[in-house]
Amino acid sequence: MQDLAKCSAAEIRSLIRENKLIRPTSGMANGFTQANLAILKKELAFEFLLFCQRNPKPCPVLDVTEPGSPIPKLVAPMADLRTDIPKYRIYRSGELVEEVTDITHYWEDDMVAFLLGCSFTFEHPLMNNGISVRHIEQNCNVPMFKTSIPCVKAGRFEGPMVVSMRPIPEKDVVRAVQVTSRFPAVHGAPVHIGNPESIGIVDIQKPDFGDPVTINPGEIPVFWACGATPQAVAMQVKPELMITHAPGHMFITDVRDEQFGVL
């Protein structure tokens, strides 16, 4: 069986393009930066870019395509954003209407694609520091939650921040903060540690996106800003058409993690 962790980004994208790999990408192509996707019509692109600029924790921009082009020239110039993500979500007027594995026939000449940093990128460095990542251990998607933390409004775009959660042993929390702080381009340090209710999460075992994971005795829930935020925003802004990745099903770039890390 192919070891997906040791595959290159291009190899993973090839499997995805051929519909041979349709599952969350956490743990795949270790060392290559993963990215969230948001696609909008050109008329909304500037407002969304401004939203990202004002909300860099949940929406750190890695690349923006030319209008009408599905090719992310800065981070994967041989890739195609219409086919190289395992699963996409189609939103119409804020409503999720479909999940698909190929968006070629949805693509229009005035679409602009945004690739936003993803916290899957810093999971390999966490594991290298002896900190286990529970959703990888349990072979499921990372749990993600809408919070009561508001994003800064930009034009028509506003809504709640979404966070991803990883249970961390209490003794390792400081180290987890140190490790992830080195990756500001992919959400960086946590936005919250501890009590979920203080950021509006009622039930830690009922995520809004992804899957619940086990939290063992002595572990603390740690929350990072999440690139699923545009999906929560889409539900409130209700653009006529918005296409995103399905939560946890990321685009894997050709850029090495170290290029987005800081010492």
C-alpha atoms as a PDB file:
ATOM      1  CA  MET A   1       0.000   0.000   0.000  1.00  0.00           C
ATOM      2  CA  GLN A   2       1.333   3.433  -0.964  1.00  0.00           C
ATOM      3  CA  ASP A   3       2.576   5.539   1.945  1.00  0.00           C
ATOM      4  CA  LEU A   4       0.716   8.796   1.328  1.00  0.00           C
ATOM      5  CA  ALA A   5       2.779  10.637   3.936  1.00  0.00           C
ATOM      6  CA  LYS A   6       5.923  10.069   1.858  1.00  0.00           C
ATOM      7  CA  CYS A   7       4.381  10.991  -1.503  1.00  0.00           C
ATOM      8  CA  SER A   8       5.178  14.307  -3.164  1.00  0.00           C
ATOM      9  CA  ALA A   9       2.468  16.927  -3.575  1.00  0.00           C
ATOM     10  CA  ALA A  10       2.350  16.248  -7.323  1.00  0.00           C
ATOM     11  CA  GLU A  11       1.871  12.517  -6.722  1.00  0.00           C
ATOM     12  CA  ILE A  12      -1.019  13.135  -4.336  1.00  0.00           C
ATOM     13  CA  ARG A  13      -2.657  15.584  -6.747  1.00  0.00           C
ATOM     14  CA  SER A  14      -2.368  13.016  -9.545  1.00  0.00           C
ATOM     15  CA  LEU A  15      -4.193  10.417  -7.439  1.00  0.00           C
ATOM     16  CA  ILE A  16      -6.861  12.967  -6.576  1.00  0.00           C
ATOM     17  CA  ARG A  17      -7.298  14.030 -10.211  1.00  0.00           C
ATOM     18  CA  GLU A  18      -7.873  10.388 -11.171  1.00  0.00           C
ATOM     19  CA  ASN A  19     -10.464   9.988  -8.366  1.00  0.00           C
ATOM     20  CA  LYS A  20      -8.251   7.403  -6.680  1.00  0.00           C
ATOM     21  CA  LEU A  21      -8.029   9.400  -3.460  1.00  0.00           C
ATOM     22  CA  ILE A  22     -11.197  10.934  -1.998  1.00  0.00           C
ATOM     23  CA  ARG A  23     -10.626  11.570   1.688  1.00  0.00           C
ATOM     24  CA  PRO A  24      -9.242  14.211   4.070  1.00  0.00           C
ATOM     25  CA  THR A  25      -5.636  15.114   3.263  1.00  0.00           C
ATOM     26  CA  SER A  26      -4.242  15.434   6.796  1.00  0.00           C
ATOM     27  CA  GLY A  27      -1.013  13.461   7.048  1.00  0.00           C
ATOM     28  CA  MET A  28      -0.443  13.313   3.283  1.00  0.00           C
ATOM     29  CA  ALA A  29       2.683  14.585   1.472  1.00  0.00           C
ATOM     30  CA  ASN A  30       4.487  15.477   4.681  1.00  0.00           C
ATOM     31  CA  GLY A  31       6.599  18.589   4.261  1.00  0.00           C
ATOM     32  CA  PHE A  32       4.376  20.195   1.621  1.00  0.00           C
ATOM     33  CA  THR A  33       2.094  23.095   2.532  1.00  0.00           C
ATOM     34  CA  GLN A  34      -1.636  22.415   2.356  1.00  0.00           C
ATOM     35  CA  ALA A  35      -4.208  25.079   1.517  1.00  0.00           C
ATOM     36  CA  ASN A  36      -7.893  25.906   1.816  1.00  0.00           C
ATOM     37  CA  LEU A  37      -9.811  26.978  -1.295  1.00  0.00           C
ATOM     38  CA  ALA A  38     -12.385  29.701  -1.875  1.00  0.00           C
ATOM     39  CA  ILE A  39     -13.636  30.555  -5.378  1.00  0.00           C
ATOM     40  CA  LEU A  40     -15.776  33.608  -6.126  1.00  0.00           C
ATOM     41  CA  LYS A  41     -16.865  35.637  -9.120  1.00  0.00           C
ATOM     42  CA  LYS A  42     -14.565  38.539  -9.981  1.00  0.00           C
ATOM     43  CA  GLU A  43     -17.095  41.131  -8.793  1.00  0.00           C
ATOM     44  CA  LEU A  44     -16.668  39.886  -5.200  1.00  0.00           C
ATOM     45  CA  ALA A  45     -12.957  39.081  -5.344  1.00  0.00           C
ATOM     46  CA  PHE A  46     -11.652  42.422  -4.116  1.00  0.00           C
ATOM     47  CA  GLU A  47     -14.007  42.481  -1.134  1.00  0.00           C
ATOM     48  CA  PHE A  48     -12.976  38.946  -0.228  1.00  0.00           C
ATOM     49  CA  LEU A  49      -9.287  39.792  -0.568  1.00  0.00           C
ATOM     50  CA  LEU A  50      -9.884  42.745   1.760  1.00  0.00           C
ATOM     51  CA  PHE A  51     -11.684  40.412   4.183  1.00  0.00           C
ATOM     52  CA  CYS A  52      -8.651  38.112   4.172  1.00  0.00           C
ATOM     53  CA  GLN A  53      -6.280  41.046   4.670  1.00  0.00           C
ATOM     54  CA  ARG A  54      -8.299  42.148   7.712  1.00  0.00           C
ATOM     55  CA  ASN A  55      -8.539  38.610   9.100  1.00  0.00           C
ATOM     56  CA  PRO A  56      -5.087  37.061   8.565  1.00  0.00           C
ATOM     57  CA  LYS A  57      -5.417  34.451  11.332  1.00  0.00           C
ATOM     58  CA  PRO A  58      -8.303  32.490   9.760  1.00  0.00           C
ATOM     59  CA  CYS A  59      -7.636  33.602   6.163  1.00  0.00           C
ATOM     60  CA  PRO A  60      -3.866  33.803   5.445  1.00  0.00           C
ATOM     61  CA  VAL A  61      -3.534  34.241   1.663  1.00  0.00           C
ATOM     62  CA  LEU A  62      -0.988  31.991  -0.081  1.00  0.00           C
ATOM     63  CA  ASP A  63      -2.035  32.585  -3.698  1.00  0.00           C
ATOM     64  CA  VAL A  64      -4.740  34.260  -5.793  1.00  0.00           C
ATOM     65  CA  THR A  65      -5.357  33.215  -9.389  1.00  0.00           C
ATOM     66  CA  GLU A  66      -5.856  35.483 -12.367  1.00  0.00           C
ATOM     67  CA  PRO A  67      -9.571  35.906 -13.243  1.00  0.00           C
ATOM     68  CA  GLY A  68     -10.672  32.881 -15.242  1.00  0.00           C
ATOM     69  CA  SER A  69      -7.526  30.861 -14.550  1.00  0.00           C
ATOM     70  CA  PRO A  70      -7.676  27.711 -12.382  1.00  0.00           C
ATOM     71  CA  ILE A  71      -3.875  27.537 -12.139  1.00  0.00           C
ATOM     72  CA  PRO A  72      -2.203  28.687  -8.885  1.00  0.00           C
ATOM     73  CA  LYS A  73       0.978  29.953 -10.496  1.00  0.00           C
ATOM     74  CA  LEU A  74       2.795  30.892  -7.289  1.00  0.00           C
ATOM     75  CA  VAL A  75       2.384  27.672  -5.315  1.00  0.00           C
ATOM     76  CA  ALA A  76       1.719  24.901  -7.884  1.00  0.00           C
ATOM     77  CA  PRO A  77       2.067  26.061 -11.498  1.00  0.00           C
ATOM     78  CA  MET A  78       1.368  22.583 -12.951  1.00  0.00           C
ATOM     79  CA  ALA A  79      -1.825  22.054 -10.943  1.00  0.00           C
ATOM     80  CA  ASP A  80      -5.491  22.633 -11.771  1.00  0.00           C
ATOM     81  CA  LEU A  81      -7.786  23.811  -8.983  1.00  0.00           C
ATOM     82  CA  ARG A  82     -10.814  22.366 -10.802  1.00  0.00           C
ATOM     83  CA  THR A  83      -9.660  18.758 -10.358  1.00  0.00           C
ATOM     84  CA  ASP A  84      -6.854  18.555  -7.796  1.00  0.00           C
ATOM     85  CA  ILE A  85      -8.825  18.680  -4.535  1.00  0.00           C
ATOM     86  CA  PRO A  86     -10.489  15.481  -3.231  1.00  0.00           C
ATOM     87  CA  LYS A  87     -13.886  17.040  -2.604  1.00  0.00           C
ATOM     88  CA  TYR A  88     -15.464  20.454  -3.235  1.00  0.00           C
ATOM     89  CA  ARG A  89     -18.534  22.216  -1.883  1.00  0.00           C
ATOM     90  CA  ILE A  90     -20.883  24.264  -4.060  1.00  0.00           C
ATOM     91  CA  TYR A  91     -22.762  27.088  -2.303  1.00  0.00           C
ATOM     92  CA  ARG A  92     -25.599  28.954  -4.001  1.00  0.00           C
ATOM     93  CA  SER A  93     -26.987  32.005  -2.191  1.00  0.00           C
ATOM     94  CA  GLY A  94     -25.337  30.775   0.988  1.00  0.00           C
ATOM     95  CA  GLU A  95     -26.825  27.279   0.848  1.00  0.00           C
ATOM     96  CA  LEU A  96     -24.697  24.163   0.435  1.00  0.00           C
ATOM     97  CA  VAL A  97     -26.251  22.471  -2.597  1.00  0.00           C
ATOM     98  CA  GLU A  98     -23.714  19.855  -3.637  1.00  0.00           C
ATOM     99  CA  GLU A  99     -20.432  18.100  -2.876  1.00  0.00           C
ATOM    100  CA  VAL A 100     -18.435  17.027  -5.946  1.00  0.00           C
ATOM    101  CA  THR A 101     -14.974  15.725  -6.845  1.00  0.00           C
ATOM    102  CA  ASP A 102     -14.539  17.878  -9.983  1.00  0.00           C
ATOM    103  CA  ILE A 103     -15.694  21.445 -10.624  1.00  0.00           C
ATOM    104  CA  THR A 104     -14.703  21.725 -14.290  1.00  0.00           C
ATOM    105  CA  HIS A 105     -18.265  22.227 -15.487  1.00  0.00           C
ATOM    106  CA  TYR A 106     -18.923  24.803 -12.739  1.00  0.00           C
ATOM    107  CA  TRP A 107     -15.928  26.913 -13.754  1.00  0.00           C
ATOM    108  CA  GLU A 108     -16.644  30.296 -15.361  1.00  0.00           C
ATOM    109  CA  ASP A 109     -14.412  32.800 -17.124  1.00  0.00           C
ATOM    110  CA  ASP A 110     -14.725  35.448 -14.394  1.00  0.00           C
ATOM    111  CA  MET A 111     -13.887  33.237 -11.407  1.00  0.00           C
ATOM    112  CA  VAL A 112     -11.038  34.009  -9.017  1.00  0.00           C
ATOM    113  CA  ALA A 113      -9.594  31.322  -6.742  1.00  0.00           C
ATOM    114  CA  PHE A 114      -8.021  32.018  -3.362  1.00  0.00           C
ATOM    115  CA  LEU A 115      -5.703  29.584  -1.602  1.00  0.00           C
ATOM    116  CA  LEU A 116      -5.502  30.141   2.138  1.00  0.00           C
ATOM    117  CA  GLY A 117      -3.063  28.638   4.613  1.00  0.00           C
ATOM    118  CA  CYS A 118      -4.114  25.430   6.380  1.00  0.00           C
ATOM    119  CA  SER A 119      -3.179  24.149   9.831  1.00  0.00           C
ATOM    120  CA  PHE A 120      -2.487  20.662   8.429  1.00  0.00           C
ATOM    121  CA  THR A 121       0.859  22.198   7.431  1.00  0.00           C
ATOM    122  CA  PHE A 122       2.115  22.411  11.015  1.00  0.00           C
ATOM    123  CA  GLU A 123       0.933  18.954  12.068  1.00  0.00           C
ATOM    124  CA  HIS A 124       4.105  17.238  10.865  1.00  0.00           C
ATOM    125  CA  PRO A 125       6.285  19.661  12.910  1.00  0.00           C
ATOM    126  CA  LEU A 126       4.045  18.952  15.930  1.00  0.00           C
ATOM    127  CA  MET A 127       4.603  15.213  15.515  1.00  0.00           C
ATOM    128  CA  ASN A 128       8.343  15.786  15.058  1.00  0.00           C
ATOM    129  CA  ASN A 129       8.241  17.388  18.510  1.00  0.00           C
ATOM    130  CA  GLY A 130       6.606  14.330  20.052  1.00  0.00           C
ATOM    131  CA  ILE A 131       3.097  15.807  20.124  1.00  0.00           C
ATOM    132  CA  SER A 132       0.515  13.398  18.753  1.00  0.00           C
ATOM    133  CA  VAL A 133      -2.252  14.625  16.433  1.00  0.00           C
ATOM    134  CA  ARG A 134      -5.442  12.860  17.422  1.00  0.00           C
ATOM    135  CA  HIS A 135      -7.411  12.973  14.159  1.00  0.00           C
ATOM    136  CA  ILE A 136      -4.440  11.456  12.322  1.00  0.00           C
ATOM    137  CA  GLU A 137      -4.220   8.734  14.985  1.00  0.00           C
ATOM    138  CA  GLN A 138      -7.941   8.042  14.623  1.00  0.00           C
ATOM    139  CA  ASN A 139      -7.885   8.317  10.811  1.00  0.00           C
ATOM    140  CA  CYS A 140     -10.655  10.901  10.657  1.00  0.00           C
ATOM    141  CA  ASN A 141     -11.136  14.581   9.845  1.00  0.00           C
ATOM    142  CA  VAL A 142     -10.080  17.319  12.253  1.00  0.00           C
ATOM    143  CA  PRO A 143     -12.996  18.740  14.316  1.00  0.00           C
ATOM    144  CA  MET A 144     -13.916  22.324  13.381  1.00  0.00           C
ATOM    145  CA  PHE A 145     -16.290  24.687  15.152  1.00  0.00           C
ATOM    146  CA  LYS A 146     -18.014  27.988  14.494  1.00  0.00           C
ATOM    147  CA  THR A 147     -17.216  30.341  17.361  1.00  0.00           C
ATOM    148  CA  SER A 148     -18.554  33.513  18.904  1.00  0.00           C
ATOM    149  CA  ILE A 149     -15.361  35.304  17.773  1.00  0.00           C
ATOM    150  CA  PRO A 150     -16.414  37.771  15.047  1.00  0.00           C
ATOM    151  CA  CYS A 151     -14.254  38.384  12.001  1.00  0.00           C
ATOM    152  CA  VAL A 152     -13.537  41.966  10.957  1.00  0.00           C
ATOM    153  CA  LYS A 153     -16.079  42.980   8.304  1.00  0.00           C
ATOM    154  CA  ALA A 154     -14.962  43.927   4.792  1.00  0.00           C
ATOM    155  CA  GLY A 155     -17.604  45.031   2.303  1.00  0.00           C
ATOM    156  CA  ARG A 156     -20.311  42.380   2.270  1.00  0.00           C
ATOM    157  CA  PHE A 157     -18.137  39.786   3.995  1.00  0.00           C
ATOM    158  CA  GLU A 158     -18.650  39.192   7.692  1.00  0.00           C
ATOM    159  CA  GLY A 159     -19.278  36.288  10.000  1.00  0.00           C
ATOM    160  CA  PRO A 160     -17.811  34.108  12.771  1.00  0.00           C
ATOM    161  CA  MET A 161     -14.332  32.706  12.950  1.00  0.00           C
ATOM    162  CA  VAL A 162     -14.105  28.948  12.556  1.00  0.00           C
ATOM    163  CA  VAL A 163     -11.482  27.082  14.592  1.00  0.00           C
ATOM    164  CA  SER A 164      -9.942  23.626  14.412  1.00  0.00           C
ATOM    165  CA  MET A 165      -9.358  21.717  17.652  1.00  0.00           C
ATOM    166  CA  ARG A 166      -6.601  19.352  18.701  1.00  0.00           C
ATOM    167  CA  PRO A 167      -6.404  17.839  22.189  1.00  0.00           C
ATOM    168  CA  ILE A 168      -2.937  18.399  23.618  1.00  0.00           C
ATOM    169  CA  PRO A 169      -1.489  16.906  26.827  1.00  0.00           C
ATOM    170  CA  GLU A 170      -1.226  19.658  29.411  1.00  0.00           C
ATOM    171  CA  LYS A 171       2.556  19.254  29.635  1.00  0.00           C
ATOM    172  CA  ASP A 172       2.896  19.815  25.868  1.00  0.00           C
ATOM    173  CA  VAL A 173       0.658  22.873  25.402  1.00  0.00           C
ATOM    174  CA  VAL A 174       3.470  25.432  25.668  1.00  0.00           C
ATOM    175  CA  ARG A 175       5.553  23.487  23.145  1.00  0.00           C
ATOM    176  CA  ALA A 176       2.568  23.227  20.772  1.00  0.00           C
ATOM    177  CA  VAL A 177       2.194  27.006  20.923  1.00  0.00           C
ATOM    178  CA  GLN A 178       5.906  27.483  20.238  1.00  0.00           C
ATOM    179  CA  VAL A 179       5.908  25.082  17.279  1.00  0.00           C
ATOM    180  CA  THR A 180       2.814  26.460  15.573  1.00  0.00           C
ATOM    181  CA  SER A 181       3.840  30.083  16.175  1.00  0.00           C
ATOM    182  CA  ARG A 182       6.592  29.459  13.630  1.00  0.00           C
ATOM    183  CA  PHE A 183       3.961  29.155  10.889  1.00  0.00           C
ATOM    184  CA  PRO A 184       2.039  32.452  10.757  1.00  0.00           C
ATOM    185  CA  ALA A 185       1.207  31.866   7.064  1.00  0.00           C
ATOM    186  CA  VAL A 186      -0.836  28.801   8.050  1.00  0.00           C
ATOM    187  CA  HIS A 187      -2.764  30.197  11.062  1.00  0.00           C
ATOM    188  CA  GLY A 188       0.172  30.324  13.486  1.00  0.00           C
ATOM    189  CA  ALA A 189      -0.355  30.157  17.241  1.00  0.00           C
ATOM    190  CA  PRO A 190      -3.669  29.060  18.778  1.00  0.00           C
ATOM    191  CA  VAL A 191      -6.447  31.606  19.221  1.00  0.00           C
ATOM    192  CA  HIS A 192      -7.796  29.878  22.339  1.00  0.00           C
ATOM    193  CA  ILE A 193      -6.719  27.275  24.884  1.00  0.00           C
ATOM    194  CA  GLY A 194      -9.073  25.515  27.260  1.00  0.00           C
ATOM    195  CA  ASN A 195     -12.760  26.117  27.980  1.00  0.00           C
ATOM    196  CA  PRO A 196     -14.714  25.758  24.703  1.00  0.00           C
ATOM    197  CA  GLU A 197     -17.784  27.558  26.032  1.00  0.00           C
ATOM    198  CA  SER A 198     -15.886  30.830  26.398  1.00  0.00           C
ATOM    199  CA  ILE A 199     -15.666  31.039  22.576  1.00  0.00           C
ATOM    200  CA  GLY A 200     -19.231  29.892  21.996  1.00  0.00           C
ATOM    201  CA  ILE A 201     -18.706  26.128  21.545  1.00  0.00           C
ATOM    202  CA  VAL A 202     -21.500  24.348  23.409  1.00  0.00           C
ATOM    203  CA  ASP A 203     -20.540  20.702  22.810  1.00  0.00           C
ATOM    204  CA  ILE A 204     -16.939  19.735  22.035  1.00  0.00           C
ATOM    205  CA  GLN A 205     -18.178  16.377  20.698  1.00  0.00           C
ATOM    206  CA  LYS A 206     -20.455  17.975  18.093  1.00  0.00           C
ATOM    207  CA  PRO A 207     -18.245  19.865  15.615  1.00  0.00           C
ATOM    208  CA  ASP A 208     -19.824  21.997  12.884  1.00  0.00           C
ATOM    209  CA  PHE A 209     -17.392  20.504  10.351  1.00  0.00           C
ATOM    210  CA  GLY A 210     -15.215  17.395  10.473  1.00  0.00           C
ATOM    211  CA  ASP A 211     -15.393  14.617  13.062  1.00  0.00           C
ATOM    212  CA  PRO A 212     -15.339  14.411  16.859  1.00  0.00           C
ATOM    213  CA  VAL A 213     -12.144  13.036  18.403  1.00  0.00           C
ATOM    214  CA  THR A 214     -11.288  11.521  21.770  1.00  0.00           C
ATOM    215  CA  ILE A 215     -10.043  13.881  24.472  1.00  0.00           C
ATOM    216  CA  ASN A 216      -8.157  11.846  27.061  1.00  0.00           C
ATOM    217  CA  PRO A 217      -7.770  12.689  30.767  1.00  0.00           C
ATOM    218  CA  GLY A 218      -4.997  15.228  31.234  1.00  0.00           C
ATOM    219  CA  GLU A 219      -5.491  16.720  27.760  1.00  0.00           C
ATOM    220  CA  ILE A 220      -6.604  20.266  27.006  1.00  0.00           C
ATOM    221  CA  PRO A 221      -8.544  21.306  23.879  1.00  0.00           C
ATOM    222  CA  VAL A 222      -6.451  23.777  21.879  1.00  0.00           C
ATOM    223  CA  PHE A 223      -8.053  25.834  19.116  1.00  0.00           C
ATOM    224  CA  TRP A 224      -6.444  27.273  15.995  1.00  0.00           C
ATOM    225  CA  ALA A 225      -8.011  29.692  13.503  1.00  0.00           C
ATOM    226  CA  CYS A 226      -9.291  27.692  10.543  1.00  0.00           C
ATOM    227  CA  GLY A 227      -9.592  28.195   6.797  1.00  0.00           C
ATOM    228  CA  ALA A 228     -13.135  26.808   6.891  1.00  0.00           C
ATOM    229  CA  THR A 229     -14.056  30.339   8.020  1.00  0.00           C
ATOM    230  CA  PRO A 230     -15.002  31.410   4.445  1.00  0.00           C
ATOM    231  CA  GLN A 231     -17.639  28.667   4.435  1.00  0.00           C
ATOM    232  CA  ALA A 232     -19.235  30.055   7.586  1.00  0.00           C
ATOM    233  CA  VAL A 233     -19.019  33.529   6.048  1.00  0.00           C
ATOM    234  CA  ALA A 234     -20.630  32.258   2.819  1.00  0.00           C
ATOM    235  CA  MET A 235     -23.606  31.045   4.794  1.00  0.00           C
ATOM    236  CA  GLN A 236     -24.133  34.589   6.099  1.00  0.00           C
ATOM    237  CA  VAL A 237     -23.135  36.673   3.061  1.00  0.00           C
ATOM    238  CA  LYS A 238     -24.980  34.413   0.600  1.00  0.00           C
ATOM    239  CA  PRO A 239     -23.075  35.154  -2.633  1.00  0.00           C
ATOM    240  CA  GLU A 240     -24.836  33.883  -5.731  1.00  0.00           C
ATOM    241  CA  LEU A 241     -22.113  31.243  -6.194  1.00  0.00           C
ATOM    242  CA  MET A 242     -19.156  30.266  -4.038  1.00  0.00           C
ATOM    243  CA  ILE A 243     -17.048  27.122  -4.361  1.00  0.00           C
ATOM    244  CA  THR A 244     -14.829  25.857  -1.538  1.00  0.00           C
ATOM    245  CA  HIS A 245     -12.982  22.703  -0.568  1.00  0.00           C
ATOM    246  CA  ALA A 246     -14.948  20.288   1.583  1.00  0.00           C
ATOM    247  CA  PRO A 247     -13.634  20.674   5.150  1.00  0.00           C
ATOM    248  CA  GLY A 248     -10.449  18.671   5.606  1.00  0.00           C
ATOM    249  CA  HIS A 249     -10.074  17.984   1.859  1.00  0.00           C
ATOM    250  CA  MET A 250      -7.234  20.358   1.031  1.00  0.00           C
ATOM    251  CA  PHE A 251      -5.179  21.453  -1.937  1.00  0.00           C
ATOM    252  CA  ILE A 252      -1.568  20.338  -1.532  1.00  0.00           C
ATOM    253  CA  THR A 253       0.910  22.853  -2.927  1.00  0.00           C
ATOM    254  CA  ASP A 254       4.449  22.351  -4.220  1.00  0.00           C
ATOM    255  CA  VAL A 255       5.769  24.725  -1.556  1.00  0.00           C
ATOM    256  CA  ARG A 256       7.749  23.201   1.297  1.00  0.00           C
ATOM    257  CA  ASP A 257       6.601  23.975   4.835  1.00  0.00           C
ATOM    258  CA  GLU A 258       9.902  25.636   5.661  1.00  0.00           C
ATOM    259  CA  GLN A 259       9.224  28.394   3.139  1.00  0.00           C
ATOM    260  CA  PHE A 260       6.270  29.549   5.243  1.00  0.00           C
ATOM    261  CA  GLY A 261       7.980  28.993   8.583  1.00  0.00           C
ATOM    262  CA  VAL A 262       9.923  31.530  10.624  1.00  0.00           C
ATOM    263  CA  LEU A 263      12.804  30.852  12.982  1.00  0.00           C
END
